[in-house]
């Protein structure tokens, strides 16, 4: 495993710029803490809500939801591999006390890439061009907020969340390559809730071109 605590000017400057906003407004702090800590749980709730309010026969957008969930999981698995190859210490273990504001407690595990950001962008990117716009926009806006919040609360460098964003997008590309193999599972689950219709078929582009952002 490679350990690297090297500080570059970009991370140092942007980290202190964003984290420097913490501790000034109690409401803003509370909002950022909420999104920084509970992002993946929020996506789970949004997944369930979207699943049940989509039109009853809409199997394709439900499939896109399943793919988004899988993309988030794959993104986290990619992060496990990266963190075991290259270990970057958290900023609160590198910067001197008094030079940053820590709004949440966190273990001193690998900082790069950000799991919350990777999972969030895995969800979001997998919905781009393949999901109803209101769902895709919601997932994406939330991912951007999470990206900012993780730096705001003091647990990640800017490049940690940028790296997480890239991992999430890559994960979405990987997952959609296996869409045709996952669709039968989506169909089976949908039928359990009496969603979809009989005789649904899927091809390589059936869920790709239905909706565009």
N, C-alpha and C. Protein backbone atom coordinates (compact mmCIF):
# COMPACT_ATOMS: atom_id res chain seq x y z
N UNK A 1 0.84 -1.20 0.00
CA UNK A 1 0.00 0.00 0.00
C UNK A 1 0.87 1.25 0.00
N UNK A 2 0.50 2.22 -0.82
CA UNK A 2 1.24 3.48 -0.90
C UNK A 2 0.58 4.51 0.02
N UNK A 3 1.37 5.11 0.92
CA UNK A 3 0.86 6.17 1.79
C UNK A 3 1.34 7.51 1.25
N UNK A 4 0.43 8.46 1.16
CA UNK A 4 0.80 9.77 0.62
C UNK A 4 -0.01 10.86 1.31
N UNK A 5 0.69 11.72 2.05
CA UNK A 5 0.04 12.84 2.73
C UNK A 5 0.45 14.16 2.10
N UNK A 6 0.95 14.10 0.88
CA UNK A 6 1.43 15.31 0.19
C UNK A 6 0.28 16.30 0.02
N UNK A 7 0.55 17.55 0.38
CA UNK A 7 -0.45 18.61 0.24
C UNK A 7 -0.13 19.45 -0.99
N UNK A 8 -1.10 19.57 -1.89
CA UNK A 8 -0.89 20.42 -3.05
C UNK A 8 -1.63 21.75 -2.85
N UNK A 9 -1.22 22.79 -3.54
CA UNK A 9 -1.82 24.13 -3.35
C UNK A 9 -3.33 24.16 -3.63
N UNK A 10 -3.78 23.40 -4.61
CA UNK A 10 -5.21 23.39 -4.93
C UNK A 10 -6.02 22.88 -3.75
N UNK A 11 -5.64 21.72 -3.23
CA UNK A 11 -6.38 21.14 -2.11
C UNK A 11 -6.34 22.04 -0.89
N UNK A 12 -5.17 22.54 -0.58
CA UNK A 12 -5.02 23.37 0.61
C UNK A 12 -5.87 24.63 0.51
N UNK A 13 -5.81 25.31 -0.62
CA UNK A 13 -6.54 26.57 -0.79
C UNK A 13 -8.05 26.36 -0.79
N UNK A 14 -8.53 25.42 -1.61
CA UNK A 14 -9.97 25.20 -1.74
C UNK A 14 -10.55 24.58 -0.48
N UNK A 15 -9.79 23.68 0.15
CA UNK A 15 -10.26 23.08 1.40
C UNK A 15 -10.52 24.15 2.45
N UNK A 16 -9.55 25.02 2.67
CA UNK A 16 -9.70 26.06 3.68
C UNK A 16 -10.76 27.09 3.29
N UNK A 17 -10.93 27.31 1.98
CA UNK A 17 -11.95 28.24 1.52
C UNK A 17 -13.35 27.70 1.84
N UNK A 18 -13.58 26.42 1.55
CA UNK A 18 -14.90 25.84 1.80
C UNK A 18 -15.10 25.54 3.27
N UNK A 19 -14.13 24.88 3.89
CA UNK A 19 -14.26 24.54 5.31
C UNK A 19 -14.26 25.78 6.18
N UNK A 20 -13.70 26.87 5.66
CA UNK A 20 -13.69 28.12 6.40
C UNK A 20 -15.08 28.71 6.60
N UNK A 21 -16.06 28.22 5.83
CA UNK A 21 -17.44 28.67 5.98
C UNK A 21 -18.13 27.98 7.15
N UNK A 22 -17.55 26.88 7.61
CA UNK A 22 -18.16 26.10 8.69
C UNK A 22 -18.02 26.83 10.02
N UNK A 23 -19.02 26.62 10.88
CA UNK A 23 -18.97 27.20 12.21
C UNK A 23 -19.44 28.64 12.30
N UNK A 24 -19.93 29.19 11.19
CA UNK A 24 -20.37 30.59 11.18
C UNK A 24 -21.88 30.73 11.27
N UNK A 25 -22.59 29.73 10.80
CA UNK A 25 -24.05 29.78 10.81
C UNK A 25 -24.57 28.40 11.22
N UNK A 26 -25.32 28.37 12.32
CA UNK A 26 -25.78 27.09 12.87
C UNK A 26 -26.68 26.34 11.90
N UNK A 27 -27.55 27.06 11.19
CA UNK A 27 -28.47 26.42 10.25
C UNK A 27 -27.71 25.80 9.08
N UNK A 28 -26.78 26.58 8.51
CA UNK A 28 -25.98 26.07 7.39
C UNK A 28 -25.17 24.85 7.83
N UNK A 29 -24.59 24.92 9.02
CA UNK A 29 -23.83 23.79 9.54
C UNK A 29 -24.71 22.55 9.65
N UNK A 30 -25.92 22.71 10.16
CA UNK A 30 -26.83 21.58 10.34
C UNK A 30 -27.20 20.95 8.99
N UNK A 31 -27.44 21.80 8.00
CA UNK A 31 -27.80 21.30 6.66
C UNK A 31 -26.63 20.53 6.05
N UNK A 32 -25.43 21.09 6.15
CA UNK A 32 -24.26 20.44 5.59
C UNK A 32 -23.93 19.13 6.30
N UNK A 33 -24.09 19.10 7.60
CA UNK A 33 -23.87 17.87 8.38
C UNK A 33 -24.85 16.79 7.93
N UNK A 34 -26.10 17.20 7.75
CA UNK A 34 -27.14 16.24 7.32
C UNK A 34 -26.77 15.61 5.99
N UNK A 35 -26.42 16.42 5.01
CA UNK A 35 -26.10 15.88 3.69
C UNK A 35 -24.76 15.13 3.69
N UNK A 36 -23.82 15.58 4.50
CA UNK A 36 -22.52 14.92 4.55
C UNK A 36 -22.60 13.54 5.19
N UNK A 37 -23.48 13.38 6.17
CA UNK A 37 -23.55 12.12 6.91
C UNK A 37 -24.58 11.14 6.34
N UNK A 38 -25.69 11.65 5.83
CA UNK A 38 -26.82 10.78 5.50
C UNK A 38 -27.12 10.68 4.02
N UNK A 39 -26.15 10.97 3.17
CA UNK A 39 -26.39 10.99 1.72
C UNK A 39 -26.90 9.65 1.20
N UNK A 40 -26.23 8.57 1.56
CA UNK A 40 -26.61 7.27 1.02
C UNK A 40 -27.99 6.85 1.50
N UNK A 41 -28.33 7.21 2.74
CA UNK A 41 -29.67 6.92 3.25
C UNK A 41 -30.72 7.74 2.50
N UNK A 42 -30.36 8.98 2.16
CA UNK A 42 -31.29 9.83 1.40
C UNK A 42 -31.56 9.21 0.03
N UNK A 43 -30.50 8.70 -0.61
CA UNK A 43 -30.69 8.05 -1.91
C UNK A 43 -31.58 6.82 -1.79
N UNK A 44 -31.43 6.09 -0.71
CA UNK A 44 -32.27 4.91 -0.51
C UNK A 44 -33.75 5.31 -0.42
N UNK A 45 -34.01 6.40 0.31
CA UNK A 45 -35.38 6.89 0.45
C UNK A 45 -35.91 7.37 -0.90
N UNK A 46 -35.09 8.11 -1.65
CA UNK A 46 -35.50 8.60 -2.96
C UNK A 46 -35.77 7.44 -3.92
N UNK A 47 -34.96 6.39 -3.80
CA UNK A 47 -35.16 5.20 -4.63
C UNK A 47 -36.54 4.60 -4.38
N UNK A 48 -36.88 4.44 -3.11
CA UNK A 48 -38.16 3.84 -2.75
C UNK A 48 -39.33 4.72 -3.20
N UNK A 49 -39.20 6.02 -2.95
CA UNK A 49 -40.27 6.94 -3.35
C UNK A 49 -40.47 6.90 -4.86
N UNK A 50 -39.36 6.98 -5.60
CA UNK A 50 -39.43 6.97 -7.07
C UNK A 50 -40.03 5.67 -7.58
N UNK A 51 -39.63 4.57 -6.97
CA UNK A 51 -40.11 3.25 -7.40
C UNK A 51 -41.64 3.17 -7.34
N UNK A 52 -42.21 3.74 -6.29
CA UNK A 52 -43.66 3.60 -6.09
C UNK A 52 -44.49 4.68 -6.77
N UNK A 53 -43.89 5.82 -7.10
CA UNK A 53 -44.72 6.86 -7.72
C UNK A 53 -44.59 6.90 -9.25
N UNK A 54 -43.66 6.13 -9.80
CA UNK A 54 -43.59 6.02 -11.25
C UNK A 54 -44.88 5.36 -11.76
N UNK A 55 -45.28 5.66 -13.00
CA UNK A 55 -46.47 5.01 -13.56
C UNK A 55 -46.39 3.49 -13.41
N UNK A 56 -47.51 2.87 -13.14
CA UNK A 56 -47.54 1.45 -12.82
C UNK A 56 -46.88 0.58 -13.88
N UNK A 57 -47.09 0.90 -15.16
CA UNK A 57 -46.55 0.06 -16.24
C UNK A 57 -45.14 0.46 -16.67
N UNK A 58 -44.56 1.44 -16.01
CA UNK A 58 -43.24 1.95 -16.42
C UNK A 58 -42.12 1.06 -15.89
N UNK A 59 -41.81 0.03 -16.62
CA UNK A 59 -40.75 -0.89 -16.21
C UNK A 59 -39.37 -0.33 -16.53
N UNK A 60 -39.28 0.48 -17.59
CA UNK A 60 -37.97 0.98 -18.04
C UNK A 60 -37.35 1.97 -17.04
N UNK A 61 -38.15 2.88 -16.51
CA UNK A 61 -37.61 3.81 -15.52
C UNK A 61 -37.34 3.11 -14.19
N UNK A 62 -38.11 2.09 -13.88
CA UNK A 62 -37.81 1.30 -12.67
C UNK A 62 -36.50 0.55 -12.85
N UNK A 63 -36.27 0.08 -14.07
CA UNK A 63 -35.00 -0.58 -14.35
C UNK A 63 -33.84 0.41 -14.20
N UNK A 64 -34.05 1.64 -14.66
CA UNK A 64 -33.01 2.67 -14.50
C UNK A 64 -32.72 2.94 -13.03
N UNK A 65 -33.74 2.85 -12.18
CA UNK A 65 -33.53 3.00 -10.74
C UNK A 65 -32.66 1.88 -10.19
N UNK A 66 -32.94 0.66 -10.62
CA UNK A 66 -32.15 -0.48 -10.18
C UNK A 66 -30.70 -0.33 -10.62
N UNK A 67 -30.51 0.11 -11.85
CA UNK A 67 -29.15 0.32 -12.36
C UNK A 67 -28.43 1.42 -11.59
N UNK A 68 -29.16 2.45 -11.19
CA UNK A 68 -28.57 3.53 -10.40
C UNK A 68 -28.11 3.00 -9.04
N UNK A 69 -28.95 2.17 -8.42
CA UNK A 69 -28.57 1.58 -7.14
C UNK A 69 -27.34 0.70 -7.26
N UNK A 70 -27.29 -0.11 -8.30
CA UNK A 70 -26.14 -0.98 -8.53
C UNK A 70 -24.88 -0.15 -8.82
N UNK A 71 -25.05 0.94 -9.53
CA UNK A 71 -23.92 1.81 -9.84
C UNK A 71 -23.32 2.39 -8.57
N UNK A 72 -24.17 2.79 -7.64
CA UNK A 72 -23.68 3.31 -6.36
C UNK A 72 -22.90 2.26 -5.60
N UNK A 73 -23.37 1.01 -5.64
CA UNK A 73 -22.68 -0.08 -4.95
C UNK A 73 -21.34 -0.37 -5.61
N UNK A 74 -21.32 -0.43 -6.94
CA UNK A 74 -20.07 -0.69 -7.66
C UNK A 74 -19.05 0.42 -7.40
N UNK A 75 -19.52 1.66 -7.32
CA UNK A 75 -18.62 2.79 -7.03
C UNK A 75 -17.94 2.60 -5.68
N UNK A 76 -18.69 2.13 -4.70
CA UNK A 76 -18.11 1.91 -3.36
C UNK A 76 -17.10 0.76 -3.39
N UNK A 77 -17.38 -0.26 -4.19
CA UNK A 77 -16.44 -1.38 -4.31
C UNK A 77 -15.14 -0.93 -4.98
N UNK A 78 -15.26 -0.07 -5.98
CA UNK A 78 -14.06 0.48 -6.63
C UNK A 78 -13.23 1.26 -5.61
N UNK A 79 -13.91 2.01 -4.75
CA UNK A 79 -13.21 2.78 -3.72
C UNK A 79 -12.42 1.89 -2.78
N UNK A 80 -12.99 0.74 -2.44
CA UNK A 80 -12.29 -0.20 -1.54
C UNK A 80 -10.96 -0.62 -2.16
N UNK A 81 -10.99 -0.90 -3.45
CA UNK A 81 -9.77 -1.31 -4.15
C UNK A 81 -8.75 -0.18 -4.15
N UNK A 82 -9.22 1.03 -4.49
CA UNK A 82 -8.31 2.19 -4.56
C UNK A 82 -7.68 2.47 -3.20
N UNK A 83 -8.49 2.45 -2.14
CA UNK A 83 -7.99 2.79 -0.80
C UNK A 83 -7.00 1.75 -0.27
N UNK A 84 -7.06 0.52 -0.81
CA UNK A 84 -6.11 -0.51 -0.40
C UNK A 84 -4.81 -0.44 -1.19
N UNK A 85 -4.84 0.31 -2.28
CA UNK A 85 -3.62 0.50 -3.08
C UNK A 85 -2.92 1.80 -2.70
N UNK A 86 -3.73 2.86 -2.53
CA UNK A 86 -3.17 4.19 -2.25
C UNK A 86 -3.91 4.81 -1.08
N UNK A 87 -3.21 4.98 0.04
CA UNK A 87 -3.83 5.51 1.25
C UNK A 87 -3.49 6.98 1.42
N UNK A 88 -4.54 7.78 1.47
CA UNK A 88 -4.34 9.21 1.71
C UNK A 88 -4.97 9.56 3.06
N UNK A 89 -4.19 10.13 3.99
CA UNK A 89 -4.73 10.48 5.31
C UNK A 89 -5.80 11.57 5.22
N UNK A 90 -6.73 11.56 6.14
CA UNK A 90 -7.77 12.58 6.20
C UNK A 90 -7.14 13.95 6.51
N UNK A 91 -7.77 15.02 6.03
CA UNK A 91 -7.21 16.36 6.27
C UNK A 91 -7.10 16.71 7.75
N UNK A 92 -8.03 16.20 8.59
CA UNK A 92 -7.97 16.54 10.00
C UNK A 92 -6.82 15.83 10.73
N UNK A 93 -6.16 14.88 10.04
CA UNK A 93 -4.98 14.25 10.62
C UNK A 93 -3.70 14.89 10.11
N UNK A 94 -3.83 15.77 9.13
CA UNK A 94 -2.67 16.40 8.51
C UNK A 94 -2.54 17.87 8.91
N UNK A 95 -3.64 18.61 8.82
CA UNK A 95 -3.61 20.03 9.17
C UNK A 95 -3.52 20.22 10.69
N UNK A 96 -2.87 21.28 11.10
CA UNK A 96 -2.75 21.57 12.52
C UNK A 96 -4.10 21.98 13.10
N UNK A 97 -4.34 21.60 14.33
CA UNK A 97 -5.58 21.98 15.00
C UNK A 97 -5.67 23.49 15.08
N UNK A 98 -6.87 24.01 14.86
CA UNK A 98 -7.07 25.44 14.86
C UNK A 98 -7.05 26.03 13.47
N UNK A 99 -6.60 25.23 12.49
CA UNK A 99 -6.56 25.73 11.11
C UNK A 99 -7.75 25.21 10.30
N UNK A 100 -8.59 24.38 10.91
CA UNK A 100 -9.77 23.85 10.24
C UNK A 100 -10.90 23.69 11.25
N UNK A 101 -12.11 23.49 10.75
CA UNK A 101 -13.27 23.28 11.61
C UNK A 101 -13.84 21.90 11.32
N UNK A 102 -13.84 21.03 12.33
CA UNK A 102 -14.38 19.68 12.17
C UNK A 102 -15.80 19.65 12.73
N UNK A 103 -16.78 19.52 11.86
CA UNK A 103 -18.18 19.52 12.30
C UNK A 103 -18.69 18.12 12.64
N UNK A 104 -18.01 17.09 12.14
CA UNK A 104 -18.41 15.71 12.44
C UNK A 104 -17.18 14.92 12.85
N UNK A 105 -17.41 13.92 13.68
CA UNK A 105 -16.31 13.02 14.04
C UNK A 105 -16.19 11.96 12.96
N UNK A 106 -14.98 11.52 12.71
CA UNK A 106 -14.78 10.54 11.64
C UNK A 106 -13.53 9.72 11.93
N UNK A 107 -13.55 8.46 11.56
CA UNK A 107 -12.37 7.62 11.72
C UNK A 107 -11.27 8.10 10.77
N UNK A 108 -10.05 7.80 11.12
CA UNK A 108 -8.91 8.25 10.31
C UNK A 108 -8.58 7.23 9.23
N UNK A 109 -9.60 6.81 8.47
CA UNK A 109 -9.37 5.86 7.38
C UNK A 109 -8.98 6.62 6.12
N UNK A 110 -8.93 5.93 5.00
CA UNK A 110 -8.49 6.55 3.76
C UNK A 110 -9.40 7.69 3.33
N UNK A 111 -8.80 8.77 2.92
CA UNK A 111 -9.56 9.96 2.53
C UNK A 111 -9.95 9.95 1.05
N UNK A 112 -9.13 9.29 0.23
CA UNK A 112 -9.36 9.29 -1.22
C UNK A 112 -9.73 7.90 -1.70
N UNK A 113 -10.75 7.84 -2.56
CA UNK A 113 -11.72 8.88 -2.89
C UNK A 113 -12.86 8.89 -1.88
N UNK A 114 -13.70 9.89 -1.94
CA UNK A 114 -14.82 10.02 -1.01
C UNK A 114 -15.90 8.98 -1.31
N UNK A 115 -16.19 8.12 -0.32
CA UNK A 115 -17.23 7.11 -0.50
C UNK A 115 -18.60 7.73 -0.74
N UNK A 116 -18.93 8.74 0.07
CA UNK A 116 -20.25 9.37 -0.07
C UNK A 116 -20.42 10.00 -1.45
N UNK A 117 -19.36 10.64 -1.94
CA UNK A 117 -19.44 11.26 -3.26
C UNK A 117 -19.50 10.21 -4.36
N UNK A 118 -18.70 9.17 -4.23
CA UNK A 118 -18.70 8.10 -5.23
C UNK A 118 -20.07 7.44 -5.32
N UNK A 119 -20.63 7.10 -4.16
CA UNK A 119 -21.94 6.48 -4.16
C UNK A 119 -23.01 7.40 -4.72
N UNK A 120 -22.93 8.67 -4.35
CA UNK A 120 -23.92 9.65 -4.82
C UNK A 120 -23.84 9.84 -6.33
N UNK A 121 -22.64 9.99 -6.85
CA UNK A 121 -22.51 10.18 -8.29
C UNK A 121 -22.72 8.87 -9.05
N UNK A 122 -22.53 7.74 -8.39
CA UNK A 122 -22.90 6.48 -9.00
C UNK A 122 -24.39 6.45 -9.27
N UNK A 123 -25.16 6.82 -8.26
CA UNK A 123 -26.61 6.93 -8.41
C UNK A 123 -26.97 7.93 -9.50
N UNK A 124 -26.40 9.12 -9.41
CA UNK A 124 -26.77 10.21 -10.31
C UNK A 124 -26.39 9.92 -11.76
N UNK A 125 -25.13 9.55 -11.97
CA UNK A 125 -24.64 9.35 -13.34
C UNK A 125 -25.37 8.22 -14.05
N UNK A 126 -25.76 7.20 -13.31
CA UNK A 126 -26.47 6.07 -13.92
C UNK A 126 -27.86 6.47 -14.40
N UNK A 127 -28.34 7.60 -13.92
CA UNK A 127 -29.68 8.06 -14.33
C UNK A 127 -29.62 9.04 -15.50
N UNK A 128 -28.44 9.53 -15.84
CA UNK A 128 -28.32 10.55 -16.88
C UNK A 128 -28.73 9.98 -18.24
N UNK A 129 -29.76 10.59 -18.83
CA UNK A 129 -30.20 10.17 -20.14
C UNK A 129 -31.00 8.88 -20.17
N UNK A 130 -31.24 8.31 -18.99
CA UNK A 130 -31.93 7.02 -18.94
C UNK A 130 -33.10 7.02 -17.96
N UNK A 131 -33.36 8.15 -17.37
CA UNK A 131 -34.37 8.24 -16.32
C UNK A 131 -35.21 9.49 -16.53
N UNK A 132 -36.40 9.54 -15.92
CA UNK A 132 -37.20 10.74 -15.99
C UNK A 132 -36.40 11.93 -15.44
N UNK A 133 -36.59 13.08 -16.05
CA UNK A 133 -35.76 14.23 -15.73
C UNK A 133 -35.84 14.63 -14.27
N UNK A 134 -37.02 14.58 -13.69
CA UNK A 134 -37.15 15.04 -12.30
C UNK A 134 -36.37 14.14 -11.35
N UNK A 135 -36.28 12.86 -11.68
CA UNK A 135 -35.48 11.95 -10.86
C UNK A 135 -34.00 12.18 -11.09
N UNK A 136 -33.62 12.28 -12.36
CA UNK A 136 -32.21 12.50 -12.70
C UNK A 136 -31.69 13.80 -12.13
N UNK A 137 -32.47 14.87 -12.25
CA UNK A 137 -32.06 16.17 -11.71
C UNK A 137 -31.92 16.11 -10.19
N UNK A 138 -32.88 15.46 -9.54
CA UNK A 138 -32.83 15.36 -8.08
C UNK A 138 -31.59 14.61 -7.62
N UNK A 139 -31.31 13.47 -8.27
CA UNK A 139 -30.12 12.69 -7.92
C UNK A 139 -28.84 13.51 -8.12
N UNK A 140 -28.80 14.27 -9.21
CA UNK A 140 -27.58 15.03 -9.54
C UNK A 140 -27.37 16.21 -8.60
N UNK A 141 -28.43 16.93 -8.32
CA UNK A 141 -28.33 18.07 -7.39
C UNK A 141 -27.88 17.59 -6.02
N UNK A 142 -28.46 16.49 -5.58
CA UNK A 142 -28.08 15.93 -4.28
C UNK A 142 -26.60 15.53 -4.28
N UNK A 143 -26.14 14.93 -5.37
CA UNK A 143 -24.74 14.51 -5.45
C UNK A 143 -23.79 15.71 -5.35
N UNK A 144 -24.14 16.80 -5.99
CA UNK A 144 -23.30 18.01 -5.95
C UNK A 144 -23.28 18.58 -4.53
N UNK A 145 -24.43 18.57 -3.86
CA UNK A 145 -24.50 19.07 -2.49
C UNK A 145 -23.63 18.21 -1.57
N UNK A 146 -23.72 16.89 -1.75
CA UNK A 146 -22.91 15.98 -0.94
C UNK A 146 -21.43 16.23 -1.18
N UNK A 147 -21.07 16.43 -2.42
CA UNK A 147 -19.69 16.70 -2.80
C UNK A 147 -19.16 17.92 -2.04
N UNK A 148 -19.95 18.97 -2.00
CA UNK A 148 -19.56 20.19 -1.29
C UNK A 148 -19.55 19.97 0.22
N UNK A 149 -20.56 19.27 0.71
CA UNK A 149 -20.73 19.09 2.16
C UNK A 149 -19.59 18.31 2.78
N UNK A 150 -19.06 17.33 2.08
CA UNK A 150 -17.98 16.51 2.64
C UNK A 150 -16.72 17.32 2.89
N UNK A 151 -16.49 18.33 2.06
CA UNK A 151 -15.36 19.24 2.29
C UNK A 151 -15.74 20.25 3.36
N UNK A 152 -16.96 20.73 3.31
CA UNK A 152 -17.45 21.73 4.27
C UNK A 152 -17.28 21.26 5.71
N UNK A 153 -17.65 20.01 5.97
CA UNK A 153 -17.59 19.52 7.35
C UNK A 153 -16.18 19.12 7.77
N UNK A 154 -15.25 19.11 6.82
CA UNK A 154 -13.85 18.93 7.17
C UNK A 154 -13.25 17.55 7.03
N UNK A 155 -13.97 16.62 6.40
CA UNK A 155 -13.47 15.24 6.36
C UNK A 155 -12.82 14.85 5.03
N UNK A 156 -12.88 15.73 4.03
CA UNK A 156 -12.29 15.40 2.73
C UNK A 156 -11.61 16.61 2.09
N UNK A 157 -10.58 16.32 1.30
CA UNK A 157 -9.97 17.33 0.44
C UNK A 157 -10.84 17.49 -0.81
N UNK A 158 -10.73 18.61 -1.51
CA UNK A 158 -11.46 18.78 -2.77
C UNK A 158 -11.19 17.68 -3.79
N UNK A 159 -9.92 17.25 -3.93
CA UNK A 159 -9.64 16.21 -4.91
C UNK A 159 -10.20 14.85 -4.48
N UNK A 160 -10.48 14.68 -3.20
CA UNK A 160 -11.13 13.45 -2.75
C UNK A 160 -12.54 13.35 -3.34
N UNK A 161 -13.26 14.46 -3.32
CA UNK A 161 -14.64 14.44 -3.82
C UNK A 161 -14.67 14.48 -5.35
N UNK A 162 -13.68 15.15 -5.94
CA UNK A 162 -13.58 15.13 -7.41
C UNK A 162 -13.29 13.70 -7.87
N UNK A 163 -12.39 13.04 -7.17
CA UNK A 163 -12.09 11.64 -7.48
C UNK A 163 -13.31 10.77 -7.29
N UNK A 164 -14.09 11.03 -6.24
CA UNK A 164 -15.31 10.28 -6.00
C UNK A 164 -16.31 10.47 -7.12
N UNK A 165 -16.41 11.69 -7.62
CA UNK A 165 -17.29 12.00 -8.75
C UNK A 165 -16.90 11.18 -9.96
N UNK A 166 -15.61 11.12 -10.25
CA UNK A 166 -15.13 10.37 -11.42
C UNK A 166 -15.39 8.88 -11.25
N UNK A 167 -15.16 8.36 -10.05
CA UNK A 167 -15.41 6.94 -9.77
C UNK A 167 -16.89 6.62 -9.99
N UNK A 168 -17.76 7.49 -9.50
CA UNK A 168 -19.20 7.28 -9.67
C UNK A 168 -19.61 7.22 -11.13
N UNK A 169 -19.06 8.11 -11.93
CA UNK A 169 -19.38 8.14 -13.36
C UNK A 169 -18.86 6.88 -14.05
N UNK A 170 -17.63 6.47 -13.71
CA UNK A 170 -17.07 5.24 -14.29
C UNK A 170 -17.92 4.04 -13.91
N UNK A 171 -18.33 3.98 -12.64
CA UNK A 171 -19.15 2.87 -12.17
C UNK A 171 -20.46 2.79 -12.96
N UNK A 172 -21.05 3.95 -13.25
CA UNK A 172 -22.31 3.95 -14.00
C UNK A 172 -22.12 3.40 -15.41
N UNK A 173 -20.98 3.72 -16.02
CA UNK A 173 -20.70 3.21 -17.37
C UNK A 173 -20.53 1.69 -17.34
N UNK A 174 -19.85 1.21 -16.33
CA UNK A 174 -19.62 -0.23 -16.19
C UNK A 174 -20.95 -0.96 -16.00
N UNK A 175 -21.76 -0.46 -15.09
CA UNK A 175 -23.02 -1.12 -14.74
C UNK A 175 -23.96 -1.20 -15.94
N UNK A 176 -24.07 -0.09 -16.70
CA UNK A 176 -25.01 -0.09 -17.83
C UNK A 176 -24.60 -1.04 -18.94
N UNK A 177 -23.35 -1.45 -18.98
CA UNK A 177 -22.93 -2.44 -19.97
C UNK A 177 -23.57 -3.80 -19.71
N UNK A 178 -24.02 -4.00 -18.48
CA UNK A 178 -24.63 -5.28 -18.11
C UNK A 178 -26.14 -5.14 -17.93
N UNK A 179 -26.71 -4.08 -18.49
CA UNK A 179 -28.13 -3.80 -18.33
C UNK A 179 -29.04 -4.97 -18.72
N UNK A 180 -28.74 -5.59 -19.86
CA UNK A 180 -29.61 -6.65 -20.37
C UNK A 180 -29.65 -7.85 -19.43
N UNK A 181 -28.57 -8.05 -18.65
CA UNK A 181 -28.53 -9.18 -17.73
C UNK A 181 -29.26 -8.87 -16.41
N UNK A 182 -29.39 -7.60 -16.12
CA UNK A 182 -30.05 -7.18 -14.88
C UNK A 182 -31.55 -7.01 -15.08
N UNK A 183 -31.95 -6.72 -16.31
CA UNK A 183 -33.35 -6.42 -16.59
C UNK A 183 -34.32 -7.52 -16.14
N UNK A 184 -34.00 -8.81 -16.33
CA UNK A 184 -34.92 -9.84 -15.84
C UNK A 184 -35.15 -9.77 -14.34
N UNK A 185 -34.11 -9.37 -13.60
CA UNK A 185 -34.26 -9.23 -12.15
C UNK A 185 -35.19 -8.06 -11.85
N UNK A 186 -35.00 -6.94 -12.57
CA UNK A 186 -35.89 -5.79 -12.40
C UNK A 186 -37.33 -6.20 -12.68
N UNK A 187 -37.51 -6.94 -13.76
CA UNK A 187 -38.85 -7.37 -14.15
C UNK A 187 -39.49 -8.22 -13.08
N UNK A 188 -38.71 -9.14 -12.52
CA UNK A 188 -39.22 -10.03 -11.49
C UNK A 188 -39.63 -9.25 -10.24
N UNK A 189 -38.77 -8.30 -9.84
CA UNK A 189 -39.08 -7.49 -8.65
C UNK A 189 -40.31 -6.63 -8.91
N UNK A 190 -40.38 -6.04 -10.11
CA UNK A 190 -41.53 -5.20 -10.45
C UNK A 190 -42.83 -5.99 -10.39
N UNK A 191 -42.78 -7.22 -10.88
CA UNK A 191 -43.99 -8.06 -10.89
C UNK A 191 -44.44 -8.40 -9.48
N UNK A 192 -43.51 -8.47 -8.54
CA UNK A 192 -43.86 -8.73 -7.15
C UNK A 192 -44.74 -7.61 -6.60
N UNK A 193 -44.53 -6.40 -7.13
CA UNK A 193 -45.34 -5.25 -6.71
C UNK A 193 -46.47 -4.96 -7.71
N UNK A 194 -46.63 -5.89 -8.68
CA UNK A 194 -47.64 -5.75 -9.72
C UNK A 194 -47.42 -4.50 -10.58
N UNK A 195 -46.12 -4.21 -10.84
CA UNK A 195 -45.75 -3.13 -11.74
C UNK A 195 -45.30 -3.71 -13.06
N UNK A 196 -45.31 -2.88 -14.11
CA UNK A 196 -44.89 -3.32 -15.42
C UNK A 196 -46.03 -4.04 -16.12
N UNK A 197 -45.75 -4.61 -17.26
CA UNK A 197 -46.76 -5.34 -18.01
C UNK A 197 -46.16 -6.59 -18.60
N UNK A 198 -46.98 -7.51 -18.97
CA UNK A 198 -46.49 -8.76 -19.51
C UNK A 198 -45.81 -8.54 -20.86
N UNK A 199 -44.82 -9.37 -21.12
CA UNK A 199 -44.20 -9.36 -22.45
C UNK A 199 -43.20 -8.25 -22.68
N UNK A 200 -42.74 -7.59 -21.60
CA UNK A 200 -41.73 -6.54 -21.78
C UNK A 200 -40.41 -7.15 -22.23
N UNK A 201 -39.83 -6.56 -23.25
CA UNK A 201 -38.53 -6.99 -23.73
C UNK A 201 -37.58 -5.82 -23.62
N UNK A 202 -36.29 -6.09 -23.62
CA UNK A 202 -35.29 -5.01 -23.56
C UNK A 202 -34.19 -5.31 -24.56
N UNK A 203 -33.66 -4.27 -25.19
CA UNK A 203 -32.49 -4.44 -26.03
C UNK A 203 -31.42 -3.49 -25.57
N UNK A 204 -30.32 -3.42 -26.27
CA UNK A 204 -29.18 -2.64 -25.82
C UNK A 204 -29.52 -1.18 -25.60
N UNK A 205 -30.43 -0.62 -26.42
CA UNK A 205 -30.68 0.81 -26.37
C UNK A 205 -32.05 1.17 -25.82
N UNK A 206 -32.83 0.20 -25.37
CA UNK A 206 -34.22 0.48 -25.01
C UNK A 206 -34.35 1.41 -23.83
N UNK A 207 -33.42 1.31 -22.87
CA UNK A 207 -33.49 2.23 -21.74
C UNK A 207 -32.56 3.41 -21.89
N UNK A 208 -31.71 3.34 -22.91
CA UNK A 208 -30.73 4.42 -23.08
C UNK A 208 -31.34 5.64 -23.75
N UNK A 209 -32.23 5.42 -24.71
CA UNK A 209 -32.69 6.53 -25.52
C UNK A 209 -34.11 7.01 -25.19
N UNK A 210 -34.72 6.43 -24.15
CA UNK A 210 -36.08 6.81 -23.84
C UNK A 210 -36.17 8.22 -23.29
N UNK A 211 -35.14 8.58 -22.51
CA UNK A 211 -35.15 9.91 -21.89
C UNK A 211 -33.77 10.52 -22.02
N UNK A 212 -33.72 11.77 -22.32
CA UNK A 212 -32.46 12.49 -22.36
C UNK A 212 -32.58 13.74 -21.53
N UNK A 213 -31.42 14.13 -20.96
CA UNK A 213 -31.40 15.33 -20.12
C UNK A 213 -31.31 16.58 -20.98
